[in-house]
Amino acid sequence: MEFKLTKLNWQLAEVEPRKLLEYILSTTHPRGKTKAAFFRSIGFTSDNWQELSNALIKHGLEGRASISERTTYGTLYKVKGVIRSISIQHVSLISIWLVKHNEEVPRFITAYPK
């Protein structure tokens, strides 16, 4: 079942700077370096990580979310949509967010091209 998470939820959304700087945008992280190559190709680097953070939250707000998995920590949501990049107008992207039990805060987990 797909749905849009409420705007209130996305106003609370959290993207940890460390997650972007040490994983998604890291050219040396074993699993993140391929994601870093993708994000760098569309204009996001460690120098403008805040712009990527904002773009990911906007992606979550505008994309289509579906429950991906229920875990002991909470519910994982897969969001499909486009991200507005710096060098390219729109790029299809999937992002994963965790909403912990008894919370409404979407917490960024990862993202990759669709």
N, C-alpha and C. Protein backbone atom coordinates (compact mmCIF):
# COMPACT_ATOMS: atom_id res chain seq x y z
N MET A 1 0.83 -1.17 0.00
CA MET A 1 0.00 0.00 0.00
C MET A 1 0.88 1.24 0.00
N GLU A 2 0.68 2.14 -0.96
CA GLU A 2 1.44 3.37 -1.04
C GLU A 2 0.62 4.53 -0.49
N PHE A 3 1.31 5.51 0.07
CA PHE A 3 0.65 6.68 0.63
C PHE A 3 1.68 7.78 0.78
N LYS A 4 1.21 8.96 1.10
CA LYS A 4 2.11 10.07 1.39
C LYS A 4 2.18 10.24 2.89
N LEU A 5 3.39 10.32 3.42
CA LEU A 5 3.53 10.61 4.84
C LEU A 5 3.13 12.06 5.06
N THR A 6 2.57 12.35 6.20
CA THR A 6 2.05 13.69 6.44
C THR A 6 3.14 14.74 6.43
N LYS A 7 2.75 15.98 6.10
CA LYS A 7 3.70 17.08 6.11
C LYS A 7 4.29 17.25 7.51
N LEU A 8 3.48 17.04 8.52
CA LEU A 8 3.96 17.16 9.89
C LEU A 8 5.13 16.23 10.11
N ASN A 9 5.03 15.01 9.66
CA ASN A 9 6.12 14.06 9.80
C ASN A 9 7.40 14.59 9.15
N TRP A 10 7.29 15.14 7.97
CA TRP A 10 8.49 15.58 7.25
C TRP A 10 9.06 16.85 7.84
N GLN A 11 8.25 17.63 8.52
CA GLN A 11 8.79 18.79 9.23
C GLN A 11 9.69 18.33 10.36
N LEU A 12 9.47 17.12 10.84
CA LEU A 12 10.27 16.54 11.92
C LEU A 12 11.42 15.67 11.40
N ALA A 13 11.47 15.46 10.09
CA ALA A 13 12.44 14.52 9.51
C ALA A 13 13.87 14.85 9.91
N GLU A 14 14.63 13.78 10.11
CA GLU A 14 16.03 13.93 10.51
C GLU A 14 16.95 13.23 9.52
N VAL A 15 17.95 13.97 9.07
CA VAL A 15 19.02 13.41 8.25
C VAL A 15 20.30 13.72 9.01
N GLU A 16 20.91 12.70 9.57
CA GLU A 16 22.13 12.91 10.34
C GLU A 16 23.27 13.33 9.42
N PRO A 17 23.94 14.44 9.72
CA PRO A 17 25.08 14.86 8.89
C PRO A 17 26.12 13.75 8.74
N ARG A 18 26.36 13.00 9.82
CA ARG A 18 27.34 11.92 9.78
C ARG A 18 26.97 10.87 8.74
N LYS A 19 25.65 10.58 8.63
CA LYS A 19 25.18 9.58 7.66
C LYS A 19 25.53 10.00 6.24
N LEU A 20 25.42 11.30 5.97
CA LEU A 20 25.76 11.80 4.63
C LEU A 20 27.27 11.88 4.44
N LEU A 21 27.96 12.47 5.40
CA LEU A 21 29.40 12.72 5.24
C LEU A 21 30.24 11.45 5.32
N GLU A 22 29.86 10.51 6.17
CA GLU A 22 30.68 9.32 6.37
C GLU A 22 30.16 8.08 5.64
N TYR A 23 29.03 8.22 4.94
CA TYR A 23 28.46 7.07 4.24
C TYR A 23 28.06 7.44 2.81
N ILE A 24 26.98 8.17 2.65
CA ILE A 24 26.42 8.45 1.32
C ILE A 24 27.38 9.25 0.43
N LEU A 25 28.14 10.16 1.00
CA LEU A 25 29.05 10.99 0.20
C LEU A 25 30.52 10.60 0.36
N SER A 26 30.77 9.51 1.05
CA SER A 26 32.14 9.07 1.29
C SER A 26 32.67 8.24 0.13
N THR A 27 33.79 8.66 -0.42
CA THR A 27 34.41 7.92 -1.53
C THR A 27 35.24 6.73 -1.04
N THR A 28 35.37 6.60 0.30
CA THR A 28 36.17 5.49 0.84
C THR A 28 35.34 4.48 1.62
N HIS A 29 34.08 4.78 1.90
CA HIS A 29 33.25 3.83 2.64
C HIS A 29 33.00 2.61 1.75
N PRO A 30 33.21 1.39 2.29
CA PRO A 30 33.06 0.18 1.47
C PRO A 30 31.71 0.07 0.76
N ARG A 31 30.60 0.41 1.44
CA ARG A 31 29.28 0.31 0.80
C ARG A 31 28.80 1.64 0.26
N GLY A 32 29.32 2.73 0.79
CA GLY A 32 28.84 4.05 0.39
C GLY A 32 29.51 4.63 -0.83
N LYS A 33 30.69 4.12 -1.19
CA LYS A 33 31.43 4.78 -2.27
C LYS A 33 30.72 4.75 -3.62
N THR A 34 29.94 3.70 -3.90
CA THR A 34 29.19 3.70 -5.16
C THR A 34 28.05 4.72 -5.11
N LYS A 35 27.45 4.89 -3.93
CA LYS A 35 26.42 5.91 -3.76
C LYS A 35 27.04 7.29 -3.88
N ALA A 36 28.24 7.45 -3.32
CA ALA A 36 28.95 8.72 -3.41
C ALA A 36 29.20 9.09 -4.87
N ALA A 37 29.59 8.11 -5.67
CA ALA A 37 29.82 8.38 -7.10
C ALA A 37 28.55 8.87 -7.77
N PHE A 38 27.42 8.24 -7.44
CA PHE A 38 26.14 8.68 -8.00
C PHE A 38 25.81 10.10 -7.56
N PHE A 39 25.86 10.36 -6.27
CA PHE A 39 25.48 11.69 -5.77
C PHE A 39 26.44 12.77 -6.26
N ARG A 40 27.71 12.45 -6.37
CA ARG A 40 28.66 13.42 -6.92
C ARG A 40 28.35 13.70 -8.38
N SER A 41 27.91 12.69 -9.12
CA SER A 41 27.60 12.88 -10.55
C SER A 41 26.42 13.83 -10.76
N ILE A 42 25.60 13.99 -9.73
CA ILE A 42 24.47 14.92 -9.86
C ILE A 42 24.68 16.19 -9.04
N GLY A 43 25.93 16.41 -8.60
CA GLY A 43 26.29 17.69 -8.01
C GLY A 43 26.36 17.78 -6.50
N PHE A 44 26.13 16.68 -5.79
CA PHE A 44 26.19 16.72 -4.33
C PHE A 44 27.54 16.21 -3.83
N THR A 45 28.19 16.99 -2.99
CA THR A 45 29.48 16.62 -2.41
C THR A 45 29.46 16.90 -0.92
N SER A 46 30.55 16.57 -0.26
CA SER A 46 30.63 16.86 1.18
C SER A 46 30.63 18.36 1.44
N ASP A 47 30.97 19.16 0.45
CA ASP A 47 30.94 20.62 0.61
C ASP A 47 29.52 21.17 0.67
N ASN A 48 28.57 20.48 0.06
CA ASN A 48 27.17 20.97 0.05
C ASN A 48 26.20 19.92 0.60
N TRP A 49 26.66 19.19 1.59
CA TRP A 49 25.84 18.12 2.16
C TRP A 49 24.50 18.62 2.69
N GLN A 50 24.44 19.89 3.14
CA GLN A 50 23.18 20.43 3.65
C GLN A 50 22.13 20.50 2.54
N GLU A 51 22.57 20.81 1.33
CA GLU A 51 21.65 20.84 0.20
C GLU A 51 21.10 19.44 -0.09
N LEU A 52 21.96 18.43 0.03
CA LEU A 52 21.50 17.06 -0.16
C LEU A 52 20.50 16.69 0.94
N SER A 53 20.79 17.07 2.16
CA SER A 53 19.87 16.80 3.26
C SER A 53 18.49 17.40 2.98
N ASN A 54 18.46 18.64 2.57
CA ASN A 54 17.19 19.30 2.24
C ASN A 54 16.49 18.63 1.07
N ALA A 55 17.26 18.23 0.06
CA ALA A 55 16.69 17.57 -1.12
C ALA A 55 16.09 16.21 -0.74
N LEU A 56 16.74 15.49 0.17
CA LEU A 56 16.22 14.19 0.60
C LEU A 56 14.91 14.35 1.37
N ILE A 57 14.83 15.35 2.21
CA ILE A 57 13.58 15.59 2.95
C ILE A 57 12.47 15.97 1.98
N LYS A 58 12.79 16.81 1.00
CA LYS A 58 11.78 17.19 0.00
C LYS A 58 11.36 15.97 -0.81
N HIS A 59 12.31 15.11 -1.14
CA HIS A 59 12.01 13.85 -1.85
C HIS A 59 11.02 13.02 -1.03
N GLY A 60 11.25 12.94 0.27
CA GLY A 60 10.35 12.20 1.14
C GLY A 60 8.96 12.79 1.17
N LEU A 61 8.89 14.10 1.22
CA LEU A 61 7.61 14.80 1.27
C LEU A 61 6.81 14.61 -0.02
N GLU A 62 7.48 14.67 -1.15
CA GLU A 62 6.79 14.64 -2.45
C GLU A 62 6.66 13.24 -3.04
N GLY A 63 7.47 12.30 -2.57
CA GLY A 63 7.47 10.95 -3.16
C GLY A 63 6.33 10.09 -2.64
N ARG A 64 6.30 8.87 -3.14
CA ARG A 64 5.29 7.88 -2.73
C ARG A 64 5.96 6.90 -1.78
N ALA A 65 5.40 6.80 -0.59
CA ALA A 65 5.97 5.93 0.44
C ALA A 65 5.18 4.64 0.57
N SER A 66 5.88 3.58 0.87
CA SER A 66 5.22 2.31 1.18
C SER A 66 6.01 1.65 2.30
N ILE A 67 5.31 0.86 3.09
CA ILE A 67 5.98 0.15 4.17
C ILE A 67 6.87 -0.90 3.54
N SER A 68 8.13 -0.86 3.91
CA SER A 68 9.11 -1.79 3.37
C SER A 68 9.28 -2.98 4.31
N GLU A 69 9.33 -2.67 5.62
CA GLU A 69 9.56 -3.74 6.58
C GLU A 69 9.26 -3.21 7.99
N ARG A 70 8.75 -4.10 8.82
CA ARG A 70 8.57 -3.78 10.24
C ARG A 70 9.68 -4.47 11.01
N THR A 71 10.42 -3.70 11.79
CA THR A 71 11.56 -4.25 12.53
C THR A 71 11.34 -4.08 14.03
N THR A 72 12.28 -4.56 14.80
CA THR A 72 12.20 -4.38 16.25
C THR A 72 12.39 -2.92 16.64
N TYR A 73 12.97 -2.09 15.74
CA TYR A 73 13.18 -0.67 16.01
C TYR A 73 11.99 0.18 15.62
N GLY A 74 11.27 -0.25 14.60
CA GLY A 74 10.16 0.54 14.08
C GLY A 74 9.81 0.08 12.68
N THR A 75 9.24 1.00 11.90
CA THR A 75 8.82 0.68 10.54
C THR A 75 9.73 1.36 9.53
N LEU A 76 10.20 0.58 8.57
CA LEU A 76 11.00 1.12 7.48
C LEU A 76 10.07 1.46 6.33
N TYR A 77 10.26 2.64 5.76
CA TYR A 77 9.48 3.09 4.62
C TYR A 77 10.39 3.28 3.42
N LYS A 78 9.92 2.83 2.27
CA LYS A 78 10.61 3.05 1.00
C LYS A 78 9.87 4.16 0.28
N VAL A 79 10.61 5.21 -0.09
CA VAL A 79 10.01 6.34 -0.79
C VAL A 79 10.56 6.37 -2.21
N LYS A 80 9.65 6.37 -3.18
CA LYS A 80 10.03 6.45 -4.60
C LYS A 80 9.61 7.81 -5.12
N GLY A 81 10.49 8.42 -5.86
CA GLY A 81 10.17 9.72 -6.43
C GLY A 81 11.39 10.32 -7.10
N VAL A 82 11.37 11.62 -7.28
CA VAL A 82 12.50 12.31 -7.89
C VAL A 82 13.17 13.21 -6.86
N ILE A 83 14.44 13.41 -7.08
CA ILE A 83 15.20 14.36 -6.26
C ILE A 83 15.66 15.46 -7.20
N ARG A 84 15.56 16.67 -6.72
CA ARG A 84 16.04 17.81 -7.50
C ARG A 84 17.51 17.97 -7.19
N SER A 85 18.33 17.75 -8.19
CA SER A 85 19.76 17.81 -7.99
C SER A 85 20.30 19.18 -8.39
N ILE A 86 21.59 19.34 -8.17
CA ILE A 86 22.24 20.60 -8.51
C ILE A 86 22.55 20.66 -10.00
N SER A 87 23.04 19.55 -10.56
CA SER A 87 23.47 19.58 -11.95
C SER A 87 22.45 19.05 -12.95
N ILE A 88 21.47 18.30 -12.46
CA ILE A 88 20.44 17.73 -13.33
C ILE A 88 19.09 18.10 -12.72
N GLN A 89 18.12 18.40 -13.54
CA GLN A 89 16.83 18.86 -13.02
C GLN A 89 16.17 17.87 -12.06
N HIS A 90 15.91 16.66 -12.53
CA HIS A 90 15.23 15.65 -11.71
C HIS A 90 15.89 14.29 -11.94
N VAL A 91 16.06 13.54 -10.86
CA VAL A 91 16.64 12.21 -10.95
C VAL A 91 15.76 11.27 -10.13
N SER A 92 15.41 10.11 -10.70
CA SER A 92 14.61 9.13 -9.96
C SER A 92 15.44 8.55 -8.83
N LEU A 93 14.82 8.47 -7.65
CA LEU A 93 15.54 8.05 -6.46
C LEU A 93 14.63 7.23 -5.55
N ILE A 94 15.23 6.32 -4.84
CA ILE A 94 14.55 5.59 -3.76
C ILE A 94 15.29 5.92 -2.47
N SER A 95 14.54 6.30 -1.46
CA SER A 95 15.15 6.53 -0.16
C SER A 95 14.44 5.66 0.87
N ILE A 96 15.18 5.33 1.92
CA ILE A 96 14.66 4.48 3.00
C ILE A 96 14.69 5.31 4.28
N TRP A 97 13.56 5.27 5.00
CA TRP A 97 13.40 6.03 6.24
C TRP A 97 12.88 5.12 7.33
N LEU A 98 13.30 5.37 8.55
CA LEU A 98 12.83 4.61 9.71
C LEU A 98 11.99 5.52 10.59
N VAL A 99 10.81 5.04 10.95
CA VAL A 99 9.99 5.71 11.97
C VAL A 99 9.96 4.75 13.15
N LYS A 100 10.61 5.16 14.24
CA LYS A 100 10.70 4.29 15.42
C LYS A 100 9.34 4.13 16.07
N HIS A 101 9.21 3.03 16.80
CA HIS A 101 7.96 2.75 17.52
C HIS A 101 7.60 3.95 18.41
N ASN A 102 6.33 4.28 18.44
CA ASN A 102 5.80 5.36 19.29
C ASN A 102 6.39 6.73 18.96
N GLU A 103 6.88 6.92 17.73
CA GLU A 103 7.38 8.20 17.26
C GLU A 103 6.76 8.53 15.91
N GLU A 104 6.92 9.76 15.48
CA GLU A 104 6.46 10.17 14.16
C GLU A 104 7.58 10.77 13.32
N VAL A 105 8.81 10.64 13.80
CA VAL A 105 9.96 11.26 13.15
C VAL A 105 10.56 10.33 12.10
N PRO A 106 10.49 10.69 10.81
CA PRO A 106 11.18 9.90 9.79
C PRO A 106 12.69 10.15 9.90
N ARG A 107 13.46 9.09 10.04
CA ARG A 107 14.92 9.19 10.14
C ARG A 107 15.54 8.56 8.90
N PHE A 108 16.36 9.34 8.20
CA PHE A 108 16.98 8.88 6.97
C PHE A 108 17.91 7.70 7.23
N ILE A 109 17.76 6.66 6.39
CA ILE A 109 18.63 5.49 6.48
C ILE A 109 19.58 5.43 5.28
N THR A 110 19.04 5.46 4.07
CA THR A 110 19.88 5.39 2.87
C THR A 110 19.09 5.84 1.65
N ALA A 111 19.78 5.97 0.53
CA ALA A 111 19.14 6.33 -0.75
C ALA A 111 19.99 5.78 -1.89
N TYR A 112 19.32 5.53 -3.01
CA TYR A 112 20.04 5.04 -4.18
C TYR A 112 19.21 5.35 -5.42
N PRO A 113 19.86 5.39 -6.60
CA PRO A 113 19.10 5.70 -7.82
C PRO A 113 18.10 4.61 -8.14
N LYS A 114 16.98 5.02 -8.71
CA LYS A 114 15.92 4.07 -9.06
C LYS A 114 16.27 3.38 -10.36
